Amino acid sequence: MNDSIYILKNYILHRIKARGRHSLHSPFVFDLYESCVSDPAKSSFKESIEKIRKDLLADHSTIKIEDMGAGSRVNNSAQRKINQVAKHSLKSAKEAQFLACLCQKIDARKIIELGTSFGITTAYVAKNNPQAQLHSVEGSPEIAAIAKVNLKELEISNTTIYQGNFDVVFPELLKEVEADIIFIDGNHTKEATLRYFEMALDHINKKGLIVFDDIYWSIGMTEAWQSIIKNSRVSISIDFFHLGVVSLNEDYTKQDFKLLM
């Protein structure tokens, strides 16, 4: 099946099956939805961060890309324009603010992000969670360098960017950081997604959250998501279509949700 058709088909099914907030019987999920989706607080840092996004989308400079994941559906060339990379890789402001809010709701102190890109989502999370230390990993050297410049411009000091292959950097980082929340993005393959999930299980806070990007990007990614939510360590799963969130908190009753963002 064509990838675009696959995504559209699943999006339509998601819209049909997604629950409304009044059917949420989990206090954790209801509170999360009310705070971060239904009526989210506006970030006071949005204007400065979105200015950087605007600059990236207007930048026609060419950079070298070292893609260590599933690659781009749009352009797999090693040389790509910054504006095209930004257009197809950056999360929307709404999704970035949701992730920042998610960290606030659990009072996250240690955060790991796989897939810095140009640092836009990183900036939202870091700026809105000054109590936290954010560790972000980016595979492509030139993209990582631009992200560091962007974070410096925003005067962000609670974030460290690591450049390297996720398979090398992530396990070493997990030895040093017991994260409260982990964002997994950047390598959209079933095998890598499941591998990083298994790595995270033994090193994340027992009440931690793991967030997966683009769970309907391909059949393989959807299969990975289905396997993850069936894992005995997962208590709650929330399918937002573009993002998937799982909780490992043993205090919660096992439940799976499909929600609109």
Protein backbone atom coordinates (compact mmCIF):
# COMPACT_ATOMS: atom_id res chain seq x y z
CA MET A 1 0.00 0.00 0.00
CA ASN A 2 1.21 3.52 -0.86
CA ASP A 3 2.53 5.24 2.31
CA SER A 4 0.34 8.32 1.83
CA ILE A 5 -2.77 6.20 1.37
CA TYR A 6 -1.82 4.12 4.43
CA ILE A 7 -1.51 7.24 6.60
CA LEU A 8 -4.76 8.77 5.28
CA LYS A 9 -6.69 5.54 5.82
CA ASN A 10 -5.48 5.27 9.41
CA TYR A 11 -6.15 8.94 10.09
CA ILE A 12 -9.78 8.53 9.01
CA LEU A 13 -10.14 5.43 11.20
CA HIS A 14 -8.53 7.30 14.09
CA ARG A 15 -11.02 10.18 13.74
CA ILE A 16 -13.89 7.68 13.85
CA LYS A 17 -12.61 5.71 16.85
CA ALA A 18 -11.16 8.53 18.98
CA ARG A 19 -12.89 9.17 22.31
CA GLY A 20 -14.16 12.44 23.70
CA ARG A 21 -12.84 13.78 26.98
CA HIS A 22 -16.05 12.94 28.87
CA SER A 23 -15.51 9.24 28.22
CA LEU A 24 -12.09 9.27 29.89
CA HIS A 25 -12.35 7.28 33.11
CA SER A 26 -8.67 7.50 33.95
CA PRO A 27 -8.05 10.56 36.21
CA PHE A 28 -4.48 10.78 34.88
CA VAL A 29 -5.54 10.81 31.22
CA PHE A 30 -8.48 13.17 31.84
CA ASP A 31 -6.25 15.66 33.68
CA LEU A 32 -3.59 15.38 30.99
CA TYR A 33 -6.13 15.96 28.23
CA GLU A 34 -7.72 18.93 29.98
CA SER A 35 -4.38 20.59 30.74
CA CYS A 36 -2.37 19.85 27.61
CA VAL A 37 -4.90 19.34 24.81
CA SER A 38 -8.33 20.78 25.58
CA ASP A 39 -7.26 24.04 27.17
CA PRO A 40 -3.45 24.31 27.17
CA ALA A 41 -1.74 27.33 28.69
CA LYS A 42 -0.05 29.53 26.13
CA SER A 43 3.74 29.39 26.29
CA SER A 44 5.32 32.76 27.02
CA PHE A 45 8.30 31.63 24.94
CA LYS A 46 6.32 30.77 21.79
CA GLU A 47 7.05 34.01 19.92
CA SER A 48 10.84 33.77 20.24
CA ILE A 49 10.90 30.07 19.36
CA GLU A 50 8.57 30.46 16.39
CA LYS A 51 10.77 33.27 15.05
CA ILE A 52 13.58 30.72 14.76
CA ARG A 53 11.24 28.29 12.99
CA LYS A 54 10.32 31.08 10.54
CA ASP A 55 14.00 31.80 9.88
CA LEU A 56 14.69 28.11 9.23
CA LEU A 57 11.81 27.88 6.77
CA ALA A 58 13.23 30.85 4.88
CA ASP A 59 16.82 29.53 4.82
CA HIS A 60 17.77 28.07 1.42
CA SER A 61 21.30 27.17 2.47
CA THR A 62 22.42 23.62 1.70
CA ILE A 63 23.75 21.32 4.41
CA LYS A 64 25.08 17.78 4.47
CA ILE A 65 22.70 15.26 6.02
CA GLU A 66 23.87 12.05 7.66
CA ASP A 67 20.59 10.15 7.96
CA MET A 68 20.93 7.21 10.35
CA GLY A 69 17.24 6.30 10.41
CA ALA A 70 14.59 5.27 7.87
CA GLY A 71 15.42 8.23 5.66
CA SER A 72 13.20 10.92 4.20
CA ARG A 73 10.18 10.20 2.00
CA VAL A 74 10.67 13.55 0.31
CA ASN A 75 14.41 13.73 -0.41
CA ASN A 76 17.07 11.14 0.42
CA SER A 77 19.91 13.20 -1.00
CA ALA A 78 22.90 13.76 1.29
CA GLN A 79 22.73 17.47 0.39
CA ARG A 80 19.49 19.20 1.37
CA LYS A 81 18.26 22.74 1.86
CA ILE A 82 17.63 23.81 5.44
CA ASN A 83 14.12 25.06 4.68
CA GLN A 84 13.11 21.70 3.18
CA VAL A 85 14.51 19.74 6.13
CA ALA A 86 12.71 22.09 8.53
CA LYS A 87 9.43 21.86 6.61
CA HIS A 88 9.31 18.08 6.77
CA SER A 89 11.00 17.31 10.11
CA LEU A 90 9.89 19.91 12.65
CA LYS A 91 6.90 19.22 14.89
CA SER A 92 4.10 21.76 14.89
CA ALA A 93 3.96 24.35 17.64
CA LYS A 94 0.89 22.55 19.02
CA GLU A 95 2.70 19.22 19.30
CA ALA A 96 5.84 20.82 20.75
CA GLN A 97 3.81 22.65 23.39
CA PHE A 98 1.98 19.42 24.20
CA LEU A 99 5.28 17.67 24.90
CA ALA A 100 6.40 20.59 27.05
CA CYS A 101 3.13 20.42 28.98
CA LEU A 102 3.48 16.66 29.40
CA CYS A 103 6.82 17.21 31.13
CA GLN A 104 5.27 19.85 33.37
CA LYS A 105 2.39 17.56 34.39
CA ILE A 106 4.74 14.90 35.74
CA ASP A 107 7.25 17.46 37.06
CA ALA A 108 9.98 15.85 34.96
CA ARG A 109 13.52 16.52 36.18
CA LYS A 110 15.42 14.35 33.71
CA ILE A 111 14.38 14.22 30.05
CA ILE A 112 15.89 12.36 27.11
CA GLU A 113 15.05 13.22 23.50
CA LEU A 114 16.14 11.10 20.55
CA GLY A 115 16.00 13.37 17.50
CA THR A 116 16.91 17.00 18.21
CA SER A 117 16.47 18.17 14.62
CA PHE A 118 16.96 21.96 14.63
CA GLY A 119 15.99 22.22 18.30
CA ILE A 120 12.49 23.69 18.05
CA THR A 121 10.71 21.06 20.16
CA THR A 122 13.79 20.89 22.37
CA ALA A 123 13.44 24.63 23.01
CA TYR A 124 9.75 24.41 23.94
CA VAL A 125 10.44 21.61 26.40
CA ALA A 126 13.53 23.24 27.93
CA LYS A 127 12.08 26.74 28.23
CA ASN A 128 8.85 25.56 29.83
CA ASN A 129 10.61 23.15 32.21
CA PRO A 130 13.46 25.11 33.79
CA GLN A 131 13.54 22.59 36.66
CA ALA A 132 14.60 19.85 34.25
CA GLN A 133 17.82 18.75 32.61
CA LEU A 134 17.21 17.84 28.98
CA HIS A 135 19.54 15.47 27.14
CA SER A 136 18.95 15.52 23.37
CA VAL A 137 20.59 13.30 20.74
CA GLU A 138 20.95 14.21 17.06
CA GLY A 139 22.52 11.95 14.45
CA SER A 140 23.46 14.50 11.79
CA PRO A 141 26.47 16.72 12.70
CA GLU A 142 25.42 19.79 10.72
CA ILE A 143 21.86 19.69 12.04
CA ALA A 144 23.17 19.29 15.60
CA ALA A 145 25.42 22.32 15.09
CA ILE A 146 22.47 24.47 13.97
CA ALA A 147 20.40 23.26 16.92
CA LYS A 148 23.14 24.33 19.33
CA VAL A 149 23.20 27.81 17.77
CA ASN A 150 19.40 28.07 18.08
CA LEU A 151 19.40 27.05 21.75
CA LYS A 152 22.20 29.53 22.47
CA GLU A 153 20.19 32.30 20.80
CA LEU A 154 17.24 31.42 23.06
CA GLU A 155 19.55 31.49 26.12
CA ILE A 156 18.75 27.88 27.02
CA SER A 157 21.20 26.48 29.56
CA ASN A 158 19.45 23.35 30.86
CA THR A 159 20.00 21.28 27.69
CA THR A 160 22.91 19.20 26.42
CA ILE A 161 22.99 18.11 22.78
CA TYR A 162 24.86 14.92 21.93
CA GLN A 163 25.77 14.24 18.31
CA GLY A 164 26.07 10.63 17.26
CA ASN A 165 24.35 7.39 16.30
CA PHE A 166 21.39 6.66 18.59
CA ASP A 167 22.51 3.02 18.95
CA VAL A 168 25.79 4.21 20.43
CA VAL A 169 24.82 7.34 22.38
CA PHE A 170 21.44 6.25 23.82
CA PRO A 171 22.60 3.21 25.84
CA GLU A 172 25.55 5.19 27.24
CA LEU A 173 23.22 8.04 28.19
CA LEU A 174 20.83 5.64 29.92
CA LYS A 175 23.65 4.47 32.17
CA GLU A 176 24.01 8.04 33.48
CA VAL A 177 20.43 9.34 33.40
CA GLU A 178 17.33 7.74 34.94
CA ALA A 179 14.84 9.70 32.87
CA ASP A 180 11.32 10.68 33.90
CA ILE A 181 10.27 10.93 30.26
CA ILE A 182 11.84 9.87 26.96
CA PHE A 183 10.91 11.14 23.48
CA ILE A 184 11.75 8.68 20.70
CA ASP A 185 11.91 10.24 17.23
CA GLY A 186 14.28 10.29 14.29
CA ASN A 187 14.61 6.61 13.35
CA HIS A 188 11.28 5.56 11.88
CA THR A 189 11.83 1.83 11.61
CA LYS A 190 10.03 -0.92 13.50
CA GLU A 191 13.26 -2.58 14.60
CA ALA A 192 14.87 0.60 15.95
CA THR A 193 11.69 1.76 17.72
CA LEU A 194 11.31 -1.56 19.53
CA ARG A 195 15.02 -1.64 20.33
CA TYR A 196 14.99 1.81 21.94
CA PHE A 197 11.82 0.93 23.87
CA GLU A 198 13.46 -2.18 25.31
CA MET A 199 16.59 -0.18 26.18
CA ALA A 200 14.51 2.42 27.99
CA LEU A 201 12.47 -0.02 30.10
CA ASP A 202 15.26 -0.86 32.54
CA HIS A 203 16.54 2.70 32.93
CA ILE A 204 13.50 4.98 33.06
CA ASN A 205 11.76 6.08 36.25
CA LYS A 206 9.23 3.39 37.28
CA LYS A 207 6.45 5.93 36.88
CA GLY A 208 7.92 7.39 33.71
CA LEU A 209 6.47 8.14 30.30
CA ILE A 210 7.78 7.25 26.85
CA VAL A 211 6.59 9.19 23.79
CA PHE A 212 6.85 7.84 20.24
CA ASP A 213 6.64 10.03 17.16
CA ASP A 214 4.86 9.13 13.90
CA ILE A 215 3.32 5.84 15.00
CA TYR A 216 1.42 5.62 11.70
CA TRP A 217 4.35 6.67 9.49
CA SER A 218 4.50 3.16 8.04
CA ILE A 219 3.12 -0.33 8.57
CA GLY A 220 6.31 -1.16 10.47
CA MET A 221 5.91 1.80 12.84
CA THR A 222 2.30 0.86 13.54
CA GLU A 223 3.34 -2.73 14.24
CA ALA A 224 5.99 -1.44 16.64
CA TRP A 225 3.38 0.68 18.46
CA GLN A 226 0.96 -2.27 18.73
CA SER A 227 3.72 -4.44 20.16
CA ILE A 228 4.70 -1.74 22.67
CA ILE A 229 1.21 -1.18 24.08
CA LYS A 230 0.81 -4.94 24.62
CA ASN A 231 3.97 -5.05 26.74
CA SER A 232 3.24 -6.07 30.35
CA ARG A 233 5.18 -3.06 31.67
CA VAL A 234 2.86 -0.59 29.94
CA SER A 235 -0.13 0.45 32.05
CA ILE A 236 -1.67 3.23 29.96
CA SER A 237 -1.28 3.98 26.27
CA ILE A 238 -2.59 7.09 24.51
CA ASP A 239 -2.75 7.14 20.73
CA PHE A 240 -2.89 10.73 19.43
CA PHE A 241 -2.25 9.50 15.87
CA HIS A 242 0.88 11.60 15.26
CA LEU A 243 2.20 10.78 18.73
CA GLY A 244 1.90 7.78 21.02
CA VAL A 245 2.35 8.06 24.81
CA VAL A 246 2.82 5.15 27.21
CA SER A 247 2.95 5.18 31.00
CA LEU A 248 4.86 2.61 33.02
CA ASN A 249 3.17 3.57 36.30
CA GLU A 250 2.04 0.35 38.01
CA ASP A 251 -0.56 2.29 40.03
CA TYR A 252 -2.68 2.76 36.91
CA THR A 253 -5.18 0.23 35.60
CA LYS A 254 -4.30 -1.16 32.18
CA GLN A 255 -6.12 0.97 29.57
CA ASP A 256 -5.60 2.00 25.94
CA PHE A 257 -6.94 5.28 24.58
CA LYS A 258 -7.36 6.87 21.13
CA LEU A 259 -7.67 10.65 21.41
CA LEU A 260 -7.64 13.66 19.12
CA MET A 261 -5.08 16.39 19.65
